[in-house]
Amino acid sequence: METITITLNGREVSGHPAMTVLELASESGIKIPTLCNDSHLAPFGACRICIVEDERSGALMASCVTPIAS
């Protein structure tokens, strides 16, 4: 299966294309605060507590709904 490697908090981590930034961070032991993230609900990014910045573009995005990308 294809893997994508991204940098989170200065650390290179890898995951599969269907993962969100929040899922990969959690799996890698990197804490991103959340409020509305619940395993019983589909992610929808409403609370915006899990906002992360793409350092290349400066864009702010909800990590719970943003798929990882190289």
C-alpha atoms as a PDB file:
ATOM      1  CA  MET A   1       0.000   0.000   0.000  1.00  0.00           C
ATOM      2  CA  GLU A   2       1.177   3.513  -0.801  1.00  0.00           C
ATOM      3  CA  THR A   3       2.459   5.616   2.097  1.00  0.00           C
ATOM      4  CA  ILE A   4       2.730   9.369   2.446  1.00  0.00           C
ATOM      5  CA  THR A   5       5.390  10.991   4.619  1.00  0.00           C
ATOM      6  CA  ILE A   6       4.744  14.399   6.173  1.00  0.00           C
ATOM      7  CA  THR A   7       6.432  16.466   8.876  1.00  0.00           C
ATOM      8  CA  LEU A   8       4.496  17.071  12.105  1.00  0.00           C
ATOM      9  CA  ASN A   9       6.142  19.212  14.785  1.00  0.00           C
ATOM     10  CA  GLY A  10       9.504  18.737  13.084  1.00  0.00           C
ATOM     11  CA  ARG A  11       9.196  14.953  12.965  1.00  0.00           C
ATOM     12  CA  GLU A  12       8.751  12.884   9.794  1.00  0.00           C
ATOM     13  CA  VAL A  13       5.810  10.481  10.072  1.00  0.00           C
ATOM     14  CA  SER A  14       4.205   8.193   7.484  1.00  0.00           C
ATOM     15  CA  GLY A  15       0.666   7.004   6.896  1.00  0.00           C
ATOM     16  CA  HIS A  16      -1.671   5.803   4.183  1.00  0.00           C
ATOM     17  CA  PRO A  17      -3.530   8.239   1.884  1.00  0.00           C
ATOM     18  CA  ALA A  18      -6.960   7.730   3.519  1.00  0.00           C
ATOM     19  CA  MET A  19      -5.723   9.002   6.917  1.00  0.00           C
ATOM     20  CA  THR A  20      -6.441  12.459   8.290  1.00  0.00           C
ATOM     21  CA  VAL A  21      -3.734  14.614   9.822  1.00  0.00           C
ATOM     22  CA  LEU A  22      -5.341  14.039  13.243  1.00  0.00           C
ATOM     23  CA  GLU A  23      -5.333  10.238  12.829  1.00  0.00           C
ATOM     24  CA  LEU A  24      -1.677  10.189  11.793  1.00  0.00           C
ATOM     25  CA  ALA A  25      -0.667  12.536  14.600  1.00  0.00           C
ATOM     26  CA  SER A  26      -2.508  10.431  17.175  1.00  0.00           C
ATOM     27  CA  GLU A  27      -1.013   7.201  15.817  1.00  0.00           C
ATOM     28  CA  SER A  28       2.446   8.811  15.983  1.00  0.00           C
ATOM     29  CA  GLY A  29       2.066   9.973  19.589  1.00  0.00           C
ATOM     30  CA  ILE A  30       1.630  13.648  18.688  1.00  0.00           C
ATOM     31  CA  LYS A  31      -1.165  15.323  20.653  1.00  0.00           C
ATOM     32  CA  ILE A  32      -3.547  17.671  18.853  1.00  0.00           C
ATOM     33  CA  PRO A  33      -6.363  18.991  21.068  1.00  0.00           C
ATOM     34  CA  THR A  34      -9.927  18.162  20.009  1.00  0.00           C
ATOM     35  CA  LEU A  35     -13.427  18.845  21.240  1.00  0.00           C
ATOM     36  CA  CYS A  36     -15.929  17.413  18.745  1.00  0.00           C
ATOM     37  CA  ASN A  37     -13.810  14.400  17.711  1.00  0.00           C
ATOM     38  CA  ASP A  38     -15.721  11.275  18.799  1.00  0.00           C
ATOM     39  CA  SER A  39     -15.411   7.737  17.452  1.00  0.00           C
ATOM     40  CA  HIS A  40     -19.234   7.501  17.326  1.00  0.00           C
ATOM     41  CA  LEU A  41     -19.517  10.472  14.940  1.00  0.00           C
ATOM     42  CA  ALA A  42     -18.246  11.191  11.454  1.00  0.00           C
ATOM     43  CA  PRO A  43     -15.613  13.968  11.538  1.00  0.00           C
ATOM     44  CA  PHE A  44     -16.991  17.319  10.407  1.00  0.00           C
ATOM     45  CA  GLY A  45     -14.496  19.932  11.654  1.00  0.00           C
ATOM     46  CA  ALA A  46     -17.062  22.146  13.373  1.00  0.00           C
ATOM     47  CA  CYS A  47     -15.327  23.071  16.616  1.00  0.00           C
ATOM     48  CA  ARG A  48     -12.003  24.031  14.947  1.00  0.00           C
ATOM     49  CA  ILE A  49     -10.056  23.165  18.128  1.00  0.00           C
ATOM     50  CA  CYS A  50      -7.810  20.818  16.102  1.00  0.00           C
ATOM     51  CA  ILE A  51      -6.591  23.554  13.733  1.00  0.00           C
ATOM     52  CA  VAL A  52      -3.103  23.012  12.307  1.00  0.00           C
ATOM     53  CA  GLU A  53      -1.034  25.147   9.929  1.00  0.00           C
ATOM     54  CA  ASP A  54       0.417  24.023   6.630  1.00  0.00           C
ATOM     55  CA  GLU A  55       3.799  25.744   6.862  1.00  0.00           C
ATOM     56  CA  ARG A  56       4.279  25.765   3.075  1.00  0.00           C
ATOM     57  CA  SER A  57       1.043  27.591   2.270  1.00  0.00           C
ATOM     58  CA  GLY A  58       0.230  29.180   5.627  1.00  0.00           C
ATOM     59  CA  ALA A  59      -3.277  27.704   5.385  1.00  0.00           C
ATOM     60  CA  LEU A  60      -5.076  26.787   8.601  1.00  0.00           C
ATOM     61  CA  MET A  61      -7.061  23.556   8.474  1.00  0.00           C
ATOM     62  CA  ALA A  62      -9.066  21.304  10.784  1.00  0.00           C
ATOM     63  CA  SER A  63      -6.822  18.264  11.224  1.00  0.00           C
ATOM     64  CA  CYS A  64      -9.803  15.960  11.853  1.00  0.00           C
ATOM     65  CA  VAL A  65     -11.064  16.337   8.276  1.00  0.00           C
ATOM     66  CA  THR A  66      -7.858  17.103   6.359  1.00  0.00           C
ATOM     67  CA  PRO A  67      -6.342  14.106   4.569  1.00  0.00           C
ATOM     68  CA  ILE A  68      -2.576  13.771   4.692  1.00  0.00           C
ATOM     69  CA  ALA A  69      -0.813  14.840   1.501  1.00  0.00           C
ATOM     70  CA  SER A  70       2.805  15.133   0.467  1.00  0.00           C
END
